[in-house]
N, C-alpha and C. Protein backbone atom coordinates (compact mmCIF):
# COMPACT_ATOMS: atom_id res chain seq x y z
N MET A 1 -9.12 14.25 -9.32
CA MET A 1 -8.07 15.23 -9.34
C MET A 1 -7.54 15.47 -7.92
N LEU A 2 -8.43 15.44 -6.93
CA LEU A 2 -8.01 15.63 -5.56
C LEU A 2 -7.06 14.53 -5.12
N GLU A 3 -7.34 13.29 -5.52
CA GLU A 3 -6.47 12.18 -5.15
C GLU A 3 -5.07 12.37 -5.73
N LEU A 4 -4.98 12.82 -6.98
CA LEU A 4 -3.69 13.05 -7.61
C LEU A 4 -2.91 14.14 -6.87
N THR A 5 -3.60 15.19 -6.48
CA THR A 5 -2.95 16.26 -5.72
C THR A 5 -2.43 15.74 -4.39
N LEU A 6 -3.24 14.93 -3.71
CA LEU A 6 -2.80 14.37 -2.44
C LEU A 6 -1.60 13.45 -2.61
N VAL A 7 -1.59 12.67 -3.66
CA VAL A 7 -0.45 11.77 -3.91
C VAL A 7 0.81 12.59 -4.18
N ILE A 8 0.70 13.63 -4.98
CA ILE A 8 1.86 14.47 -5.27
C ILE A 8 2.37 15.14 -3.99
N LEU A 9 1.47 15.65 -3.18
CA LEU A 9 1.88 16.25 -1.91
C LEU A 9 2.53 15.23 -0.99
N MET A 10 1.97 14.02 -0.95
CA MET A 10 2.52 12.98 -0.10
C MET A 10 3.92 12.58 -0.55
N VAL A 11 4.09 12.41 -1.84
CA VAL A 11 5.42 12.05 -2.35
C VAL A 11 6.42 13.15 -2.06
N GLY A 12 6.02 14.39 -2.22
CA GLY A 12 6.90 15.50 -1.88
C GLY A 12 7.26 15.52 -0.41
N ALA A 13 6.28 15.25 0.44
CA ALA A 13 6.54 15.20 1.88
C ALA A 13 7.47 14.05 2.23
N VAL A 14 7.26 12.91 1.61
CA VAL A 14 8.11 11.75 1.88
C VAL A 14 9.54 12.03 1.42
N LEU A 15 9.69 12.66 0.26
CA LEU A 15 11.03 13.00 -0.21
C LEU A 15 11.71 13.99 0.72
N ALA A 16 10.94 14.93 1.25
CA ALA A 16 11.51 15.88 2.21
C ALA A 16 11.92 15.17 3.50
N VAL A 17 11.07 14.26 3.97
CA VAL A 17 11.41 13.49 5.17
C VAL A 17 12.63 12.63 4.91
N ARG A 18 12.70 12.05 3.73
CA ARG A 18 13.85 11.22 3.37
C ARG A 18 15.13 12.04 3.33
N TRP A 19 15.07 13.23 2.81
CA TRP A 19 16.23 14.10 2.76
C TRP A 19 16.70 14.46 4.17
N ILE A 20 15.74 14.77 5.05
CA ILE A 20 16.08 15.08 6.44
C ILE A 20 16.61 13.84 7.15
N ALA A 21 15.95 12.71 6.93
CA ALA A 21 16.38 11.47 7.57
C ALA A 21 17.75 11.02 7.09
N ASN A 22 18.08 11.36 5.87
CA ASN A 22 19.38 10.99 5.31
C ASN A 22 20.52 11.63 6.12
N LEU A 23 20.22 12.70 6.78
CA LEU A 23 21.23 13.38 7.57
C LEU A 23 21.56 12.64 8.86
N SER A 24 20.60 11.89 9.40
CA SER A 24 20.84 11.31 10.72
C SER A 24 20.44 9.84 10.88
N LEU A 25 19.73 9.24 9.96
CA LEU A 25 19.28 7.86 10.12
C LEU A 25 19.99 6.93 9.14
N SER A 26 20.28 5.75 9.62
CA SER A 26 20.85 4.74 8.73
C SER A 26 19.74 4.14 7.88
N GLY A 27 20.13 3.40 6.85
CA GLY A 27 19.15 2.76 5.99
C GLY A 27 18.30 1.74 6.73
N SER A 28 18.92 0.98 7.62
CA SER A 28 18.15 -0.04 8.35
C SER A 28 17.17 0.60 9.32
N ALA A 29 17.56 1.71 9.96
CA ALA A 29 16.63 2.38 10.88
C ALA A 29 15.45 2.96 10.11
N LEU A 30 15.73 3.55 8.97
CA LEU A 30 14.65 4.11 8.16
C LEU A 30 13.72 3.01 7.66
N THR A 31 14.29 1.86 7.29
CA THR A 31 13.47 0.72 6.86
C THR A 31 12.58 0.24 7.99
N GLU A 32 13.12 0.14 9.19
CA GLU A 32 12.32 -0.31 10.34
C GLU A 32 11.20 0.68 10.66
N ILE A 33 11.50 1.96 10.62
CA ILE A 33 10.47 2.97 10.87
C ILE A 33 9.39 2.90 9.80
N GLY A 34 9.81 2.76 8.56
CA GLY A 34 8.85 2.66 7.46
C GLY A 34 7.95 1.44 7.59
N LEU A 35 8.53 0.31 7.96
CA LEU A 35 7.72 -0.91 8.13
C LEU A 35 6.77 -0.78 9.31
N LEU A 36 7.19 -0.08 10.36
CA LEU A 36 6.29 0.15 11.50
C LEU A 36 5.11 1.02 11.08
N ILE A 37 5.39 2.09 10.34
CA ILE A 37 4.30 2.96 9.86
C ILE A 37 3.39 2.20 8.90
N LEU A 38 3.97 1.38 8.05
CA LEU A 38 3.19 0.56 7.13
C LEU A 38 2.26 -0.38 7.90
N ALA A 39 2.78 -1.04 8.92
CA ALA A 39 1.96 -1.96 9.73
C ALA A 39 0.83 -1.21 10.43
N MET A 40 1.12 -0.02 10.95
CA MET A 40 0.06 0.77 11.59
C MET A 40 -1.01 1.16 10.58
N GLY A 41 -0.59 1.51 9.37
CA GLY A 41 -1.55 1.86 8.34
C GLY A 41 -2.43 0.69 7.95
N ILE A 42 -1.84 -0.50 7.88
CA ILE A 42 -2.62 -1.70 7.55
C ILE A 42 -3.62 -2.00 8.65
N MET A 43 -3.17 -1.92 9.90
CA MET A 43 -4.06 -2.22 11.03
C MET A 43 -5.19 -1.21 11.16
N GLU A 44 -4.94 0.04 10.76
CA GLU A 44 -5.97 1.06 10.85
C GLU A 44 -6.80 1.15 9.57
N GLY A 45 -6.16 1.05 8.43
CA GLY A 45 -6.82 1.32 7.17
C GLY A 45 -7.73 0.22 6.65
N ILE A 46 -7.32 -1.02 6.80
CA ILE A 46 -8.14 -2.11 6.26
C ILE A 46 -9.49 -2.23 6.97
N PRO A 47 -9.53 -2.27 8.32
CA PRO A 47 -10.85 -2.36 8.96
C PRO A 47 -11.74 -1.15 8.69
N THR A 48 -11.17 0.06 8.74
CA THR A 48 -12.01 1.24 8.53
C THR A 48 -12.43 1.37 7.08
N GLY A 49 -11.55 1.02 6.14
CA GLY A 49 -11.93 1.04 4.73
C GLY A 49 -13.01 0.01 4.42
N LEU A 50 -12.88 -1.16 5.02
CA LEU A 50 -13.90 -2.19 4.83
C LEU A 50 -15.24 -1.73 5.41
N TYR A 51 -15.19 -1.14 6.60
CA TYR A 51 -16.43 -0.70 7.23
C TYR A 51 -17.07 0.45 6.43
N TYR A 52 -16.25 1.31 5.82
CA TYR A 52 -16.78 2.36 4.94
C TYR A 52 -17.61 1.73 3.83
N HIS A 53 -17.08 0.69 3.19
CA HIS A 53 -17.81 0.02 2.11
C HIS A 53 -19.09 -0.63 2.63
N VAL A 54 -19.03 -1.20 3.83
CA VAL A 54 -20.21 -1.83 4.42
C VAL A 54 -21.30 -0.79 4.69
N VAL A 55 -20.92 0.34 5.29
CA VAL A 55 -21.90 1.39 5.59
C VAL A 55 -22.51 1.93 4.30
N LEU A 56 -21.69 2.20 3.31
CA LEU A 56 -22.21 2.71 2.04
C LEU A 56 -23.15 1.69 1.39
N TYR A 57 -22.78 0.43 1.44
CA TYR A 57 -23.64 -0.61 0.87
C TYR A 57 -24.98 -0.67 1.60
N ARG A 58 -24.95 -0.63 2.93
CA ARG A 58 -26.19 -0.71 3.70
C ARG A 58 -27.11 0.48 3.44
N LEU A 59 -26.52 1.63 3.16
CA LEU A 59 -27.35 2.81 2.89
C LEU A 59 -27.92 2.83 1.48
N LEU A 60 -27.16 2.38 0.49
CA LEU A 60 -27.60 2.54 -0.89
C LEU A 60 -28.18 1.29 -1.53
N HIS A 61 -27.89 0.12 -1.00
CA HIS A 61 -28.43 -1.10 -1.60
C HIS A 61 -29.95 -1.16 -1.56
N PRO A 62 -30.61 -0.77 -0.47
CA PRO A 62 -32.08 -0.81 -0.49
C PRO A 62 -32.70 0.12 -1.53
N ARG A 63 -31.97 1.11 -1.98
CA ARG A 63 -32.48 2.04 -2.99
C ARG A 63 -32.14 1.61 -4.42
N ASP A 64 -31.49 0.47 -4.56
CA ASP A 64 -31.05 -0.04 -5.87
C ASP A 64 -30.18 0.97 -6.62
N ARG A 65 -29.24 1.59 -5.90
CA ARG A 65 -28.36 2.58 -6.50
C ARG A 65 -26.95 2.05 -6.77
N LEU A 66 -26.71 0.78 -6.46
CA LEU A 66 -25.36 0.23 -6.59
C LEU A 66 -25.30 -0.83 -7.69
N PRO A 67 -24.65 -0.52 -8.80
CA PRO A 67 -24.49 -1.52 -9.87
C PRO A 67 -23.38 -2.50 -9.52
N PRO A 68 -23.24 -3.58 -10.26
CA PRO A 68 -22.12 -4.50 -10.01
C PRO A 68 -20.78 -3.78 -10.17
N GLY A 69 -19.86 -4.09 -9.29
CA GLY A 69 -18.54 -3.45 -9.32
C GLY A 69 -18.50 -2.07 -8.70
N TRP A 70 -19.52 -1.70 -7.95
CA TRP A 70 -19.60 -0.37 -7.35
C TRP A 70 -18.46 -0.10 -6.40
N TRP A 71 -17.94 -1.12 -5.77
CA TRP A 71 -16.92 -0.97 -4.73
C TRP A 71 -15.56 -0.55 -5.31
N ILE A 72 -15.38 -0.63 -6.62
CA ILE A 72 -14.11 -0.23 -7.23
C ILE A 72 -13.94 1.29 -7.16
N SER A 73 -15.01 2.02 -7.39
CA SER A 73 -14.98 3.48 -7.32
C SER A 73 -16.23 3.97 -6.60
N PRO A 74 -16.28 3.79 -5.28
CA PRO A 74 -17.53 4.06 -4.55
C PRO A 74 -17.84 5.52 -4.32
N THR A 75 -16.88 6.42 -4.46
CA THR A 75 -17.15 7.83 -4.13
C THR A 75 -18.16 8.47 -5.08
N GLN A 76 -18.29 7.93 -6.28
CA GLN A 76 -19.25 8.52 -7.22
C GLN A 76 -20.69 8.31 -6.77
N TYR A 77 -20.91 7.43 -5.82
CA TYR A 77 -22.27 7.15 -5.35
C TYR A 77 -22.63 7.97 -4.11
N HIS A 78 -21.72 8.84 -3.65
CA HIS A 78 -22.02 9.70 -2.51
C HIS A 78 -23.12 10.70 -2.84
N VAL A 79 -23.34 10.98 -4.11
CA VAL A 79 -24.38 11.95 -4.50
C VAL A 79 -25.77 11.45 -4.14
N TYR A 80 -25.94 10.15 -3.96
CA TYR A 80 -27.25 9.59 -3.62
C TYR A 80 -27.53 9.62 -2.13
N LEU A 81 -26.59 10.13 -1.33
CA LEU A 81 -26.75 10.15 0.11
C LEU A 81 -27.30 11.49 0.58
N SER A 82 -28.09 11.44 1.66
CA SER A 82 -28.53 12.67 2.29
C SER A 82 -27.36 13.25 3.09
N GLU A 83 -27.52 14.47 3.58
CA GLU A 83 -26.44 15.11 4.35
C GLU A 83 -26.11 14.32 5.62
N ASP A 84 -27.11 13.80 6.29
CA ASP A 84 -26.88 13.00 7.48
C ASP A 84 -26.14 11.70 7.14
N GLU A 85 -26.54 11.08 6.05
CA GLU A 85 -25.88 9.85 5.62
C GLU A 85 -24.44 10.13 5.17
N LYS A 86 -24.23 11.28 4.54
CA LYS A 86 -22.86 11.64 4.14
C LYS A 86 -21.96 11.80 5.35
N ARG A 87 -22.49 12.36 6.42
CA ARG A 87 -21.69 12.49 7.64
C ARG A 87 -21.32 11.12 8.20
N ARG A 88 -22.26 10.19 8.15
CA ARG A 88 -21.97 8.83 8.64
C ARG A 88 -20.90 8.15 7.81
N VAL A 89 -20.97 8.32 6.50
CA VAL A 89 -20.04 7.66 5.59
C VAL A 89 -18.69 8.37 5.59
N ARG A 90 -18.70 9.69 5.67
CA ARG A 90 -17.47 10.47 5.55
C ARG A 90 -16.45 10.12 6.63
N ARG A 91 -16.91 9.86 7.84
CA ARG A 91 -16.00 9.51 8.93
C ARG A 91 -15.18 8.28 8.56
N TRP A 92 -15.83 7.24 8.08
CA TRP A 92 -15.13 6.00 7.73
C TRP A 92 -14.32 6.17 6.45
N PHE A 93 -14.80 7.01 5.56
CA PHE A 93 -14.08 7.30 4.32
C PHE A 93 -12.71 7.93 4.63
N PHE A 94 -12.71 8.94 5.50
CA PHE A 94 -11.46 9.62 5.83
C PHE A 94 -10.55 8.75 6.70
N LEU A 95 -11.11 7.96 7.59
CA LEU A 95 -10.27 7.06 8.38
C LEU A 95 -9.60 6.01 7.50
N GLY A 96 -10.34 5.47 6.56
CA GLY A 96 -9.74 4.51 5.63
C GLY A 96 -8.69 5.17 4.75
N GLY A 97 -8.96 6.39 4.32
CA GLY A 97 -8.00 7.13 3.52
C GLY A 97 -6.74 7.46 4.30
N PHE A 98 -6.89 7.75 5.59
CA PHE A 98 -5.73 8.01 6.44
C PHE A 98 -4.88 6.75 6.58
N GLY A 99 -5.53 5.60 6.72
CA GLY A 99 -4.79 4.34 6.77
C GLY A 99 -4.03 4.09 5.48
N PHE A 100 -4.65 4.41 4.36
CA PHE A 100 -3.98 4.27 3.07
C PHE A 100 -2.77 5.20 3.00
N LEU A 101 -2.93 6.43 3.48
CA LEU A 101 -1.82 7.38 3.50
C LEU A 101 -0.67 6.86 4.36
N LEU A 102 -0.98 6.29 5.51
CA LEU A 102 0.06 5.69 6.35
C LEU A 102 0.76 4.54 5.63
N CYS A 103 0.00 3.70 4.96
CA CYS A 103 0.59 2.58 4.22
C CYS A 103 1.53 3.08 3.13
N MET A 104 1.10 4.05 2.37
CA MET A 104 1.95 4.59 1.31
C MET A 104 3.21 5.24 1.88
N THR A 105 3.06 6.02 2.92
CA THR A 105 4.20 6.69 3.53
C THR A 105 5.18 5.67 4.10
N GLY A 106 4.67 4.70 4.84
CA GLY A 106 5.52 3.67 5.41
C GLY A 106 6.22 2.85 4.34
N GLY A 107 5.49 2.50 3.30
CA GLY A 107 6.09 1.72 2.22
C GLY A 107 7.20 2.48 1.51
N ILE A 108 6.95 3.76 1.25
CA ILE A 108 7.97 4.56 0.58
C ILE A 108 9.18 4.76 1.47
N LEU A 109 8.96 5.00 2.77
CA LEU A 109 10.09 5.15 3.69
C LEU A 109 10.88 3.85 3.79
N ALA A 110 10.19 2.74 3.89
CA ALA A 110 10.89 1.45 3.98
C ALA A 110 11.68 1.18 2.70
N PHE A 111 11.09 1.46 1.57
CA PHE A 111 11.78 1.27 0.30
C PHE A 111 12.99 2.19 0.19
N SER A 112 12.82 3.44 0.63
CA SER A 112 13.93 4.38 0.62
C SER A 112 15.06 3.90 1.53
N GLY A 113 14.69 3.36 2.70
CA GLY A 113 15.70 2.83 3.60
C GLY A 113 16.43 1.65 3.02
N MET A 114 15.70 0.79 2.33
CA MET A 114 16.36 -0.36 1.69
C MET A 114 17.29 0.07 0.59
N LEU A 115 16.86 1.05 -0.20
CA LEU A 115 17.73 1.54 -1.27
C LEU A 115 18.97 2.23 -0.71
N SER A 116 18.78 3.05 0.32
CA SER A 116 19.95 3.74 0.87
C SER A 116 20.89 2.78 1.55
N GLY A 117 20.37 1.71 2.13
CA GLY A 117 21.24 0.70 2.73
C GLY A 117 21.99 -0.10 1.68
N ALA A 118 21.41 -0.24 0.51
CA ALA A 118 22.05 -1.03 -0.54
C ALA A 118 23.06 -0.22 -1.34
N PHE A 119 22.83 1.09 -1.47
CA PHE A 119 23.68 1.87 -2.35
C PHE A 119 24.58 2.87 -1.63
N PHE A 120 24.28 3.20 -0.38
CA PHE A 120 25.05 4.26 0.28
C PHE A 120 25.71 3.76 1.54
């Protein structure tokens, strides 16, 4: 439910930014900015998201707590972590999530710029 709330807030923020940007930015400029943000999100999000999965695997695999396909929805396995382990995992979890947020924001901005350049 938290993820859905974050997505709704993000889409609302992107639409607000798009409305403001529509006042002063051309479609091509908005597309370039969006692609730059998307690239930054990819460069930040993929390594940190991957490392989050590696850290979680290293902590829980010796305890035989990870079934096949665990990496598809790994947050449900945080309950098996101690508080210290949660702190170690949480840092990489949020950094990977921030990279994902940048990717989504950049992609939506770039798509909005392409649409506004094609139709307006």
